[in-house]
Each structure stands twice: as C-alpha cells, then as structure tokens.
C-alpha cells in the first residue's frame, strides 16, 4: 500500500511539472489517503503484536 502511495505521489509531481493541475491534485489526494491508511494499519498491527506478547 505504501508503494501505491509513492507511485501516486510521483505521478502528482510529474503532472505538476507538465502543468496538469487537476491531475496533479487528484493524484496527490489519492497518495495522501493511501499513506494515511498505511499509517493506521501499521499502528493497528503494531498494537496487536504488542497485545499478543510477541
């Protein structure tokens, strides 16, 4: 999932360089959502592993 966030971030940067503002904003928005989702899932997984005692 983090990979997809990075891919959309790169697409947003390339689109911004070439002047496609709408596409850049959309790709950046998707990248932000995927990154936030990745962080939430990583924290939940970390907490579950601590609760299990591993």
C-alpha atoms as a PDB file:
ATOM      1  CA  UNK A   1       0.000   0.000   0.000  1.00  0.00           C
ATOM      2  CA  UNK A   2       2.876   2.331   0.733  1.00  0.00           C
ATOM      3  CA  UNK A   3       4.156   1.521  -2.737  1.00  0.00           C
ATOM      4  CA  UNK A   4       0.932   2.801  -4.314  1.00  0.00           C
ATOM      5  CA  UNK A   5       1.102   5.989  -2.246  1.00  0.00           C
ATOM      6  CA  UNK A   6       4.611   6.638  -3.543  1.00  0.00           C
ATOM      7  CA  UNK A   7       3.541   5.904  -7.118  1.00  0.00           C
ATOM      8  CA  UNK A   8       0.644   8.368  -6.939  1.00  0.00           C
ATOM      9  CA  UNK A   9       2.956  10.949  -5.351  1.00  0.00           C
ATOM     10  CA  UNK A  10       5.399  10.597  -8.256  1.00  0.00           C
ATOM     11  CA  UNK A  11       2.527  10.875 -10.750  1.00  0.00           C
ATOM     12  CA  UNK A  12       1.406  14.057  -8.982  1.00  0.00           C
ATOM     13  CA  UNK A  13       4.889  15.561  -9.198  1.00  0.00           C
ATOM     14  CA  UNK A  14       5.251  14.721 -12.893  1.00  0.00           C
ATOM     15  CA  UNK A  15       1.784  16.087 -13.678  1.00  0.00           C
ATOM     16  CA  UNK A  16       2.549  19.294 -11.771  1.00  0.00           C
ATOM     17  CA  UNK A  17       5.789  19.786 -13.699  1.00  0.00           C
ATOM     18  CA  UNK A  18       3.950  19.499 -17.006  1.00  0.00           C
ATOM     19  CA  UNK A  19       1.172  21.830 -15.859  1.00  0.00           C
ATOM     20  CA  UNK A  20      -1.711  19.408 -15.398  1.00  0.00           C
ATOM     21  CA  UNK A  21      -3.075  20.912 -12.188  1.00  0.00           C
ATOM     22  CA  UNK A  22      -6.246  18.840 -11.900  1.00  0.00           C
ATOM     23  CA  UNK A  23      -4.480  15.540 -12.423  1.00  0.00           C
ATOM     24  CA  UNK A  24      -1.730  16.524 -10.004  1.00  0.00           C
ATOM     25  CA  UNK A  25      -4.227  17.472  -7.309  1.00  0.00           C
ATOM     26  CA  UNK A  26      -6.150  14.221  -7.780  1.00  0.00           C
ATOM     27  CA  UNK A  27      -3.038  12.060  -7.644  1.00  0.00           C
ATOM     28  CA  UNK A  28      -1.761  13.926  -4.584  1.00  0.00           C
ATOM     29  CA  UNK A  29      -5.106  13.417  -2.852  1.00  0.00           C
ATOM     30  CA  UNK A  30      -5.041   9.690  -3.546  1.00  0.00           C
ATOM     31  CA  UNK A  31      -1.449   9.484  -2.291  1.00  0.00           C
ATOM     32  CA  UNK A  32      -2.418  11.239   0.965  1.00  0.00           C
ATOM     33  CA  UNK A  33      -5.339   8.876   1.550  1.00  0.00           C
ATOM     34  CA  UNK A  34      -3.263   5.760   0.870  1.00  0.00           C
ATOM     35  CA  UNK A  35      -0.446   6.976   3.114  1.00  0.00           C
ATOM     36  CA  UNK A  36      -2.846   7.731   5.966  1.00  0.00           C
ATOM     37  CA  UNK A  37      -4.456   4.309   5.566  1.00  0.00           C
ATOM     38  CA  UNK A  38      -1.000   2.703   5.606  1.00  0.00           C
ATOM     39  CA  UNK A  39      -0.125   4.520   8.845  1.00  0.00           C
ATOM     40  CA  UNK A  40      -3.367   3.461  10.538  1.00  0.00           C
ATOM     41  CA  UNK A  41      -2.921  -0.174   9.533  1.00  0.00           C
ATOM     42  CA  UNK A  42       0.732  -0.152  10.626  1.00  0.00           C
ATOM     43  CA  UNK A  43      -0.167   1.206  14.081  1.00  0.00           C
ATOM     44  CA  UNK A  44      -3.025  -1.288  14.495  1.00  0.00           C
ATOM     45  CA  UNK A  45      -0.749  -4.171  13.533  1.00  0.00           C
ATOM     46  CA  UNK A  46       1.914  -2.932  15.919  1.00  0.00           C
ATOM     47  CA  UNK A  47      -0.568  -2.715  18.791  1.00  0.00           C
ATOM     48  CA  UNK A  48      -1.973  -6.176  18.084  1.00  0.00           C
ATOM     49  CA  UNK A  49       1.531  -7.669  18.127  1.00  0.00           C
ATOM     50  CA  UNK A  50       2.275  -5.973  21.460  1.00  0.00           C
ATOM     51  CA  UNK A  51      -1.011  -7.288  22.909  1.00  0.00           C
ATOM     52  CA  UNK A  52      -0.151 -10.824  21.845  1.00  0.00           C
ATOM     53  CA  UNK A  53       3.209 -10.568  23.604  1.00  0.00           C
ATOM     54  CA  UNK A  54       5.459 -11.131  20.637  1.00  0.00           C
END
